[in-house]
């Protein structure tokens, strides 16, 4: 049996987890002794947070750079216009051939 969890339940779980993480983060950052941690725990927490922020931003920049470096440049507009004109000529030629065949069959 397939059981579908509603969006409201998922949203509530995400919200509750986020609030718990915020409270835990604030306790460790500002009063680590409250939960039995040393003062160096708040320093480690700040270092981890700063590392994640910097690594995330640099990761995004690296992804943008990789995308720019590996994406081929777009075709010039003139080349695209020539391709469109060629396709139109082919279609017109096919259409005129079909019309000629239709005239031959009716005569």
C-alpha atoms as a PDB file:
ATOM      1  CA  UNK A   1       0.000   0.000   0.000  1.00  0.00           C
ATOM      2  CA  UNK A   2       1.316   3.423  -0.968  1.00  0.00           C
ATOM      3  CA  UNK A   3       1.096   6.069   1.741  1.00  0.00           C
ATOM      4  CA  UNK A   4       1.503   9.699   0.767  1.00  0.00           C
ATOM      5  CA  UNK A   5       2.692  12.151   3.423  1.00  0.00           C
ATOM      6  CA  UNK A   6       1.029  15.531   3.077  1.00  0.00           C
ATOM      7  CA  UNK A   7       2.907  18.739   2.433  1.00  0.00           C
ATOM      8  CA  UNK A   8       1.643  20.127   5.730  1.00  0.00           C
ATOM      9  CA  UNK A   9       3.274  17.295   7.692  1.00  0.00           C
ATOM     10  CA  UNK A  10       6.568  17.697   5.837  1.00  0.00           C
ATOM     11  CA  UNK A  11       6.438  21.474   6.335  1.00  0.00           C
ATOM     12  CA  UNK A  12       5.739  21.080  10.048  1.00  0.00           C
ATOM     13  CA  UNK A  13       8.641  18.640  10.485  1.00  0.00           C
ATOM     14  CA  UNK A  14      11.022  20.971   8.633  1.00  0.00           C
ATOM     15  CA  UNK A  15       9.881  23.925  10.750  1.00  0.00           C
ATOM     16  CA  UNK A  16      10.279  22.049  14.054  1.00  0.00           C
ATOM     17  CA  UNK A  17      13.742  20.745  13.111  1.00  0.00           C
ATOM     18  CA  UNK A  18      14.828  24.243  12.040  1.00  0.00           C
ATOM     19  CA  UNK A  19      13.694  25.763  15.355  1.00  0.00           C
ATOM     20  CA  UNK A  20      15.490  23.019  17.329  1.00  0.00           C
ATOM     21  CA  UNK A  21      18.698  23.615  15.356  1.00  0.00           C
ATOM     22  CA  UNK A  22      18.415  27.388  15.914  1.00  0.00           C
ATOM     23  CA  UNK A  23      17.981  26.937  19.668  1.00  0.00           C
ATOM     24  CA  UNK A  24      20.839  24.400  19.882  1.00  0.00           C
ATOM     25  CA  UNK A  25      23.097  26.663  17.812  1.00  0.00           C
ATOM     26  CA  UNK A  26      22.345  29.673  20.008  1.00  0.00           C
ATOM     27  CA  UNK A  27      23.030  27.697  23.201  1.00  0.00           C
ATOM     28  CA  UNK A  28      26.344  26.323  21.932  1.00  0.00           C
ATOM     29  CA  UNK A  29      27.374  29.736  20.584  1.00  0.00           C
ATOM     30  CA  UNK A  30      26.466  31.936  23.547  1.00  0.00           C
ATOM     31  CA  UNK A  31      26.329  29.629  26.594  1.00  0.00           C
ATOM     32  CA  UNK A  32      27.991  26.258  25.931  1.00  0.00           C
ATOM     33  CA  UNK A  33      28.322  25.561  29.680  1.00  0.00           C
ATOM     34  CA  UNK A  34      24.534  25.244  29.866  1.00  0.00           C
ATOM     35  CA  UNK A  35      24.698  21.856  28.134  1.00  0.00           C
ATOM     36  CA  UNK A  36      28.061  20.803  29.571  1.00  0.00           C
ATOM     37  CA  UNK A  37      30.362  21.991  26.786  1.00  0.00           C
ATOM     38  CA  UNK A  38      33.502  24.061  27.178  1.00  0.00           C
ATOM     39  CA  UNK A  39      33.866  27.607  25.874  1.00  0.00           C
ATOM     40  CA  UNK A  40      35.964  26.296  22.974  1.00  0.00           C
ATOM     41  CA  UNK A  41      32.823  24.610  21.602  1.00  0.00           C
ATOM     42  CA  UNK A  42      31.391  27.994  20.584  1.00  0.00           C
ATOM     43  CA  UNK A  43      34.675  28.857  18.860  1.00  0.00           C
ATOM     44  CA  UNK A  44      34.603  25.568  16.953  1.00  0.00           C
ATOM     45  CA  UNK A  45      30.971  26.198  16.013  1.00  0.00           C
ATOM     46  CA  UNK A  46      31.844  29.612  14.554  1.00  0.00           C
ATOM     47  CA  UNK A  47      34.766  28.105  12.620  1.00  0.00           C
ATOM     48  CA  UNK A  48      32.530  25.382  11.187  1.00  0.00           C
ATOM     49  CA  UNK A  49      29.856  27.921  10.234  1.00  0.00           C
ATOM     50  CA  UNK A  50      32.331  30.246   8.534  1.00  0.00           C
ATOM     51  CA  UNK A  51      33.947  27.314   6.705  1.00  0.00           C
ATOM     52  CA  UNK A  52      30.585  26.069   5.403  1.00  0.00           C
ATOM     53  CA  UNK A  53      29.625  29.584   4.261  1.00  0.00           C
ATOM     54  CA  UNK A  54      32.930  30.217   2.470  1.00  0.00           C
ATOM     55  CA  UNK A  55      33.033  26.713   0.953  1.00  0.00           C
ATOM     56  CA  UNK A  56      29.444  27.108  -0.261  1.00  0.00           C
ATOM     57  CA  UNK A  57      30.079  30.470  -1.905  1.00  0.00           C
ATOM     58  CA  UNK A  58      33.358  29.293  -3.473  1.00  0.00           C
ATOM     59  CA  UNK A  59      31.629  26.104  -4.655  1.00  0.00           C
ATOM     60  CA  UNK A  60      28.971  28.158  -6.412  1.00  0.00           C
ATOM     61  CA  UNK A  61      31.644  30.362  -8.009  1.00  0.00           C
ATOM     62  CA  UNK A  62      33.581  27.258  -9.114  1.00  0.00           C
ATOM     63  CA  UNK A  63      30.411  25.826 -10.683  1.00  0.00           C
ATOM     64  CA  UNK A  64      29.768  29.097 -12.544  1.00  0.00           C
ATOM     65  CA  UNK A  65      33.373  29.144 -13.769  1.00  0.00           C
ATOM     66  CA  UNK A  66      33.190  25.517 -14.909  1.00  0.00           C
ATOM     67  CA  UNK A  67      29.952  26.204 -16.753  1.00  0.00           C
ATOM     68  CA  UNK A  68      31.412  29.251 -18.495  1.00  0.00           C
ATOM     69  CA  UNK A  69      34.595  27.362 -19.406  1.00  0.00           C
ATOM     70  CA  UNK A  70      32.868  24.275 -20.833  1.00  0.00           C
ATOM     71  CA  UNK A  71      29.845  25.784 -22.604  1.00  0.00           C
ATOM     72  CA  UNK A  72      30.441  26.338 -26.322  1.00  0.00           C
ATOM     73  CA  UNK A  73      29.777  29.847 -27.624  1.00  0.00           C
ATOM     74  CA  UNK A  74      26.451  30.416 -29.379  1.00  0.00           C
ATOM     75  CA  UNK A  75      26.242  30.443 -33.183  1.00  0.00           C
ATOM     76  CA  UNK A  76      26.389  33.852 -34.837  1.00  0.00           C
ATOM     77  CA  UNK A  77      22.999  35.225 -35.869  1.00  0.00           C
ATOM     78  CA  UNK A  78      24.060  35.290 -39.529  1.00  0.00           C
ATOM     79  CA  UNK A  79      24.673  31.526 -39.487  1.00  0.00           C
ATOM     80  CA  UNK A  80      21.291  30.865 -37.892  1.00  0.00           C
ATOM     81  CA  UNK A  81      19.582  33.083 -40.493  1.00  0.00           C
ATOM     82  CA  UNK A  82      21.276  31.140 -43.314  1.00  0.00           C
ATOM     83  CA  UNK A  83      20.102  27.822 -41.836  1.00  0.00           C
ATOM     84  CA  UNK A  84      16.532  29.125 -41.563  1.00  0.00           C
ATOM     85  CA  UNK A  85      16.597  30.378 -45.167  1.00  0.00           C
ATOM     86  CA  UNK A  86      17.886  26.989 -46.379  1.00  0.00           C
ATOM     87  CA  UNK A  87      15.134  25.179 -44.512  1.00  0.00           C
ATOM     88  CA  UNK A  88      12.502  27.533 -45.950  1.00  0.00           C
ATOM     89  CA  UNK A  89      13.798  26.930 -49.478  1.00  0.00           C
ATOM     90  CA  UNK A  90      13.632  23.146 -48.914  1.00  0.00           C
ATOM     91  CA  UNK A  91      10.074  23.412 -47.628  1.00  0.00           C
ATOM     92  CA  UNK A  92       9.021  25.604 -50.567  1.00  0.00           C
ATOM     93  CA  UNK A  93      10.607  23.146 -52.999  1.00  0.00           C
ATOM     94  CA  UNK A  94       8.824  20.175 -51.367  1.00  0.00           C
ATOM     95  CA  UNK A  95       5.538  22.066 -51.411  1.00  0.00           C
ATOM     96  CA  UNK A  96       5.855  22.957 -55.089  1.00  0.00           C
ATOM     97  CA  UNK A  97       6.736  19.328 -55.927  1.00  0.00           C
ATOM     98  CA  UNK A  98       3.652  18.101 -54.087  1.00  0.00           C
ATOM     99  CA  UNK A  99       1.490  20.648 -55.906  1.00  0.00           C
ATOM    100  CA  UNK A 100       2.903  19.505 -59.253  1.00  0.00           C
ATOM    101  CA  UNK A 101       2.165  15.863 -58.404  1.00  0.00           C
ATOM    102  CA  UNK A 102      -1.362  16.803 -57.375  1.00  0.00           C
ATOM    103  CA  UNK A 103      -1.935  18.613 -60.705  1.00  0.00           C
ATOM    104  CA  UNK A 104      -0.614  15.643 -62.680  1.00  0.00           C
ATOM    105  CA  UNK A 105      -2.921  13.224 -60.884  1.00  0.00           C
ATOM    106  CA  UNK A 106      -6.026  15.350 -61.496  1.00  0.00           C
ATOM    107  CA  UNK A 107      -5.337  15.749 -65.237  1.00  0.00           C
END
